[in-house]
């Protein structure tokens, strides 16, 4: 970690993002993201046994909370990965762009 050669990192992060537009429903994002993760299920489970690993979803609402629904298949596929699902819900109100708050 230049300019501090003796410093060490105490955390790290790998992030994968859905290729869909932000406006897509959360379940559609998971349907697009899971095929990218599933080929690495064994490695993900091994990492999760030693490190903090989670599938995080930030969901932005402009005018009301429409509710969240995930199919049994999506939930099963996440369970097979062996990691928790974290849902963060944000109410923006007016015409704010959710990308401005990230």
N, C-alpha and C. Protein backbone atom coordinates (compact mmCIF):
# COMPACT_ATOMS: atom_id res chain seq x y z
N UNK A 1 0.85 -1.18 0.00
CA UNK A 1 0.00 0.00 0.00
C UNK A 1 0.89 1.24 0.00
N UNK A 2 1.45 1.59 -1.16
CA UNK A 2 2.29 2.77 -1.23
C UNK A 2 1.53 3.98 -0.73
N UNK A 3 2.09 4.89 -0.07
CA UNK A 3 3.51 5.04 0.28
C UNK A 3 3.86 4.42 1.63
N UNK A 4 3.08 3.50 2.13
CA UNK A 4 3.31 2.87 3.43
C UNK A 4 3.62 1.38 3.22
N UNK A 5 4.86 1.03 2.93
CA UNK A 5 5.18 -0.35 2.58
C UNK A 5 4.97 -1.37 3.69
N UNK A 6 4.87 -0.93 4.94
CA UNK A 6 4.65 -1.88 6.03
C UNK A 6 3.18 -2.01 6.40
N UNK A 7 2.33 -1.20 5.79
CA UNK A 7 0.89 -1.26 6.08
C UNK A 7 0.28 -2.50 5.44
N UNK A 8 -0.73 -3.05 6.08
CA UNK A 8 -1.46 -4.19 5.53
C UNK A 8 -2.94 -3.88 5.47
N UNK A 9 -3.61 -4.50 4.55
CA UNK A 9 -5.06 -4.33 4.42
C UNK A 9 -5.75 -5.21 5.46
N UNK A 10 -6.78 -4.67 6.11
CA UNK A 10 -7.52 -5.48 7.07
C UNK A 10 -8.88 -5.90 6.51
N UNK A 11 -9.16 -5.51 5.27
CA UNK A 11 -10.37 -5.97 4.60
C UNK A 11 -10.20 -5.82 3.09
N UNK A 12 -11.07 -6.47 2.37
CA UNK A 12 -11.07 -6.40 0.92
C UNK A 12 -12.49 -6.63 0.45
N UNK A 13 -12.74 -6.36 -0.82
CA UNK A 13 -14.09 -6.56 -1.34
C UNK A 13 -14.02 -6.93 -2.81
N UNK A 14 -14.83 -7.90 -3.18
CA UNK A 14 -15.10 -8.21 -4.58
C UNK A 14 -16.55 -7.87 -4.81
N UNK A 15 -16.83 -7.18 -5.86
CA UNK A 15 -18.20 -6.80 -6.17
C UNK A 15 -18.57 -7.27 -7.57
N UNK A 16 -19.75 -7.86 -7.68
CA UNK A 16 -20.33 -8.24 -8.96
C UNK A 16 -21.63 -7.48 -9.08
N UNK A 17 -21.92 -6.98 -10.26
CA UNK A 17 -23.14 -6.22 -10.47
C UNK A 17 -23.96 -6.85 -11.58
N UNK A 18 -25.25 -6.73 -11.44
CA UNK A 18 -26.16 -7.18 -12.49
C UNK A 18 -25.92 -6.32 -13.73
N UNK A 19 -25.98 -6.93 -14.91
CA UNK A 19 -25.82 -6.16 -16.14
C UNK A 19 -27.08 -5.41 -16.56
N UNK A 20 -28.17 -5.59 -15.81
CA UNK A 20 -29.44 -4.96 -16.18
C UNK A 20 -29.48 -3.49 -15.79
N UNK A 21 -30.36 -2.71 -16.41
CA UNK A 21 -30.53 -1.31 -16.00
C UNK A 21 -31.06 -1.23 -14.57
N UNK A 22 -30.73 -0.18 -13.88
CA UNK A 22 -31.14 -0.02 -12.48
C UNK A 22 -32.65 -0.13 -12.29
N UNK A 23 -33.41 0.24 -13.29
CA UNK A 23 -34.86 0.27 -13.17
C UNK A 23 -35.48 -1.13 -13.15
N UNK A 24 -34.74 -2.16 -13.50
CA UNK A 24 -35.28 -3.52 -13.52
C UNK A 24 -35.64 -3.97 -12.11
N UNK A 25 -36.63 -4.86 -12.02
CA UNK A 25 -37.09 -5.40 -10.74
C UNK A 25 -35.95 -6.17 -10.08
N UNK A 26 -35.91 -6.18 -8.75
CA UNK A 26 -34.84 -6.84 -8.00
C UNK A 26 -34.72 -8.31 -8.38
N UNK A 27 -35.83 -9.01 -8.58
CA UNK A 27 -35.76 -10.42 -8.93
C UNK A 27 -35.10 -10.61 -10.30
N UNK A 28 -35.35 -9.71 -11.24
CA UNK A 28 -34.70 -9.79 -12.55
C UNK A 28 -33.19 -9.59 -12.41
N UNK A 29 -32.79 -8.69 -11.52
CA UNK A 29 -31.35 -8.49 -11.28
C UNK A 29 -30.72 -9.78 -10.74
N UNK A 30 -31.40 -10.43 -9.80
CA UNK A 30 -30.87 -11.68 -9.26
C UNK A 30 -30.82 -12.77 -10.33
N UNK A 31 -31.85 -12.82 -11.19
CA UNK A 31 -31.85 -13.80 -12.28
C UNK A 31 -30.66 -13.58 -13.22
N UNK A 32 -30.24 -12.33 -13.39
CA UNK A 32 -29.10 -12.03 -14.25
C UNK A 32 -27.77 -12.26 -13.53
N UNK A 33 -27.74 -12.04 -12.23
CA UNK A 33 -26.49 -12.14 -11.47
C UNK A 33 -26.16 -13.58 -11.07
N UNK A 34 -27.14 -14.36 -10.71
CA UNK A 34 -26.87 -15.73 -10.22
C UNK A 34 -26.10 -16.60 -11.21
N UNK A 35 -26.38 -16.55 -12.52
CA UNK A 35 -25.58 -17.36 -13.44
C UNK A 35 -24.09 -16.98 -13.45
N UNK A 36 -23.77 -15.78 -13.04
CA UNK A 36 -22.37 -15.37 -12.95
C UNK A 36 -21.70 -15.94 -11.70
N UNK A 37 -22.49 -16.17 -10.66
CA UNK A 37 -21.95 -16.67 -9.39
C UNK A 37 -21.98 -18.19 -9.29
N UNK A 38 -23.01 -18.81 -9.83
CA UNK A 38 -23.23 -20.25 -9.64
C UNK A 38 -22.07 -21.14 -10.10
N UNK A 39 -21.36 -20.80 -11.17
CA UNK A 39 -20.22 -21.66 -11.53
C UNK A 39 -19.11 -21.67 -10.47
N UNK A 40 -19.17 -20.73 -9.54
CA UNK A 40 -18.15 -20.59 -8.49
C UNK A 40 -18.69 -20.96 -7.11
N UNK A 41 -19.77 -21.76 -7.08
CA UNK A 41 -20.43 -22.09 -5.82
C UNK A 41 -19.46 -22.67 -4.79
N UNK A 42 -18.63 -23.60 -5.17
CA UNK A 42 -17.70 -24.23 -4.21
C UNK A 42 -16.75 -23.18 -3.64
N UNK A 43 -16.18 -22.35 -4.49
CA UNK A 43 -15.25 -21.31 -4.03
C UNK A 43 -15.96 -20.30 -3.14
N UNK A 44 -17.19 -19.94 -3.50
CA UNK A 44 -17.96 -18.99 -2.69
C UNK A 44 -18.23 -19.58 -1.31
N UNK A 45 -18.63 -20.84 -1.27
CA UNK A 45 -18.89 -21.50 0.03
C UNK A 45 -17.61 -21.59 0.87
N UNK A 46 -16.48 -21.86 0.23
CA UNK A 46 -15.21 -21.91 0.96
C UNK A 46 -14.85 -20.54 1.51
N UNK A 47 -15.02 -19.50 0.71
CA UNK A 47 -14.75 -18.14 1.19
C UNK A 47 -15.68 -17.77 2.34
N UNK A 48 -16.97 -18.14 2.20
CA UNK A 48 -17.95 -17.81 3.22
C UNK A 48 -17.66 -18.51 4.54
N UNK A 49 -16.96 -19.65 4.49
CA UNK A 49 -16.61 -20.36 5.72
C UNK A 49 -15.53 -19.62 6.49
N UNK A 50 -14.77 -18.78 5.79
CA UNK A 50 -13.66 -18.09 6.44
C UNK A 50 -13.85 -16.57 6.53
N UNK A 51 -14.60 -16.01 5.60
CA UNK A 51 -14.75 -14.56 5.52
C UNK A 51 -16.23 -14.17 5.49
N UNK A 52 -16.48 -12.89 5.63
CA UNK A 52 -17.84 -12.37 5.53
C UNK A 52 -18.21 -12.27 4.05
N UNK A 53 -19.21 -13.03 3.65
CA UNK A 53 -19.68 -13.03 2.26
C UNK A 53 -21.18 -12.87 2.30
N UNK A 54 -21.72 -11.98 1.48
CA UNK A 54 -23.16 -11.82 1.41
C UNK A 54 -23.57 -11.30 0.05
N UNK A 55 -24.81 -11.55 -0.29
CA UNK A 55 -25.41 -11.03 -1.50
C UNK A 55 -26.24 -9.83 -1.09
N UNK A 56 -25.81 -8.66 -1.50
CA UNK A 56 -26.47 -7.42 -1.07
C UNK A 56 -27.29 -6.83 -2.21
N UNK A 57 -28.51 -6.44 -1.88
CA UNK A 57 -29.39 -5.79 -2.85
C UNK A 57 -29.86 -4.47 -2.26
N UNK A 58 -29.59 -3.39 -2.95
CA UNK A 58 -30.12 -2.08 -2.57
C UNK A 58 -31.29 -1.78 -3.50
N UNK A 59 -32.44 -1.54 -2.92
CA UNK A 59 -33.65 -1.30 -3.70
C UNK A 59 -34.15 0.10 -3.39
N UNK A 60 -34.31 0.90 -4.44
CA UNK A 60 -34.70 2.30 -4.28
C UNK A 60 -36.14 2.49 -4.74
N UNK A 61 -36.93 3.18 -3.92
CA UNK A 61 -38.31 3.50 -4.25
C UNK A 61 -38.47 5.00 -4.27
N UNK A 62 -39.16 5.50 -5.31
CA UNK A 62 -39.35 6.94 -5.41
C UNK A 62 -40.61 7.41 -4.70
N UNK A 63 -41.68 6.61 -4.74
CA UNK A 63 -42.91 7.13 -4.16
C UNK A 63 -43.57 6.20 -3.14
N UNK A 64 -43.31 4.89 -3.19
CA UNK A 64 -43.86 3.99 -2.19
C UNK A 64 -43.12 2.66 -2.26
N UNK A 65 -43.26 1.87 -1.23
CA UNK A 65 -42.65 0.55 -1.22
C UNK A 65 -43.63 -0.42 -1.86
N UNK A 66 -43.25 -0.92 -3.03
CA UNK A 66 -44.15 -1.79 -3.78
C UNK A 66 -44.13 -3.22 -3.28
N UNK A 67 -43.28 -3.53 -2.36
CA UNK A 67 -43.15 -4.89 -1.86
C UNK A 67 -42.05 -5.63 -2.59
N UNK A 68 -41.62 -6.72 -2.02
CA UNK A 68 -40.53 -7.51 -2.58
C UNK A 68 -41.02 -8.94 -2.69
N UNK A 69 -40.76 -9.53 -3.84
CA UNK A 69 -41.12 -10.92 -4.05
C UNK A 69 -39.98 -11.61 -4.77
N UNK A 70 -39.52 -12.74 -4.22
CA UNK A 70 -38.53 -13.57 -4.89
C UNK A 70 -39.13 -14.96 -5.03
N UNK A 71 -38.98 -15.54 -6.19
CA UNK A 71 -39.53 -16.87 -6.42
C UNK A 71 -38.80 -17.90 -5.57
N UNK A 72 -39.44 -19.04 -5.39
CA UNK A 72 -38.81 -20.14 -4.64
C UNK A 72 -37.52 -20.57 -5.32
N UNK A 73 -37.48 -20.54 -6.65
CA UNK A 73 -36.27 -20.93 -7.37
C UNK A 73 -35.11 -19.98 -7.07
N UNK A 74 -35.37 -18.68 -7.08
CA UNK A 74 -34.32 -17.70 -6.76
C UNK A 74 -33.81 -17.93 -5.35
N UNK A 75 -34.71 -18.13 -4.40
CA UNK A 75 -34.31 -18.35 -3.01
C UNK A 75 -33.51 -19.64 -2.86
N UNK A 76 -33.92 -20.69 -3.58
CA UNK A 76 -33.17 -21.95 -3.54
C UNK A 76 -31.76 -21.77 -4.07
N UNK A 77 -31.63 -21.05 -5.18
CA UNK A 77 -30.32 -20.84 -5.81
C UNK A 77 -29.40 -20.03 -4.90
N UNK A 78 -29.94 -19.05 -4.20
CA UNK A 78 -29.13 -18.29 -3.25
C UNK A 78 -28.72 -19.18 -2.08
N UNK A 79 -29.64 -20.01 -1.60
CA UNK A 79 -29.35 -20.93 -0.50
C UNK A 79 -28.23 -21.88 -0.86
N UNK A 80 -28.22 -22.38 -2.10
CA UNK A 80 -27.17 -23.30 -2.54
C UNK A 80 -25.80 -22.62 -2.47
N UNK A 81 -25.74 -21.31 -2.71
CA UNK A 81 -24.48 -20.59 -2.61
C UNK A 81 -23.97 -20.54 -1.17
N UNK A 82 -24.87 -20.71 -0.21
CA UNK A 82 -24.48 -20.73 1.20
C UNK A 82 -24.14 -19.37 1.77
N UNK A 83 -24.78 -18.32 1.23
CA UNK A 83 -24.51 -16.97 1.72
C UNK A 83 -25.82 -16.27 2.05
N UNK A 84 -25.78 -15.31 2.97
CA UNK A 84 -27.00 -14.59 3.31
C UNK A 84 -27.38 -13.57 2.23
N UNK A 85 -28.66 -13.25 2.20
CA UNK A 85 -29.19 -12.22 1.31
C UNK A 85 -29.50 -11.00 2.16
N UNK A 86 -28.89 -9.88 1.83
CA UNK A 86 -29.10 -8.63 2.55
C UNK A 86 -29.89 -7.69 1.66
N UNK A 87 -31.06 -7.25 2.11
CA UNK A 87 -31.90 -6.32 1.36
C UNK A 87 -31.91 -4.97 2.05
N UNK A 88 -31.47 -3.95 1.36
CA UNK A 88 -31.52 -2.58 1.87
C UNK A 88 -32.54 -1.81 1.05
N UNK A 89 -33.57 -1.29 1.72
CA UNK A 89 -34.64 -0.56 1.05
C UNK A 89 -34.48 0.93 1.32
N UNK A 90 -34.54 1.73 0.26
CA UNK A 90 -34.37 3.17 0.38
C UNK A 90 -35.55 3.88 -0.26
N UNK A 91 -36.19 4.77 0.49
CA UNK A 91 -37.27 5.60 -0.02
C UNK A 91 -36.67 6.94 -0.40
N UNK A 92 -36.76 7.29 -1.68
CA UNK A 92 -36.16 8.52 -2.18
C UNK A 92 -37.12 9.68 -2.20
N UNK A 93 -38.41 9.41 -2.31
CA UNK A 93 -39.35 10.50 -2.48
C UNK A 93 -39.23 11.06 -3.88
N UNK A 94 -39.48 12.27 -4.09
CA UNK A 94 -39.43 13.01 -5.35
C UNK A 94 -38.75 12.30 -6.52
N UNK A 95 -38.13 13.05 -7.39
CA UNK A 95 -37.55 12.51 -8.62
C UNK A 95 -36.05 12.27 -8.50
N UNK A 96 -35.54 11.99 -7.33
CA UNK A 96 -34.11 11.76 -7.15
C UNK A 96 -33.64 10.57 -7.96
N UNK A 97 -32.42 10.65 -8.42
CA UNK A 97 -31.78 9.54 -9.15
C UNK A 97 -31.06 8.66 -8.14
N UNK A 98 -31.38 7.36 -8.04
CA UNK A 98 -30.73 6.50 -7.03
C UNK A 98 -29.23 6.43 -7.19
N UNK A 99 -28.71 6.66 -8.39
CA UNK A 99 -27.27 6.61 -8.59
C UNK A 99 -26.55 7.76 -7.90
N UNK A 100 -27.27 8.84 -7.59
CA UNK A 100 -26.67 9.97 -6.90
C UNK A 100 -26.38 9.65 -5.44
N UNK A 101 -27.04 8.64 -4.89
CA UNK A 101 -26.90 8.30 -3.47
C UNK A 101 -25.95 7.13 -3.24
N UNK A 102 -25.33 6.63 -4.29
CA UNK A 102 -24.46 5.47 -4.15
C UNK A 102 -23.04 5.92 -3.91
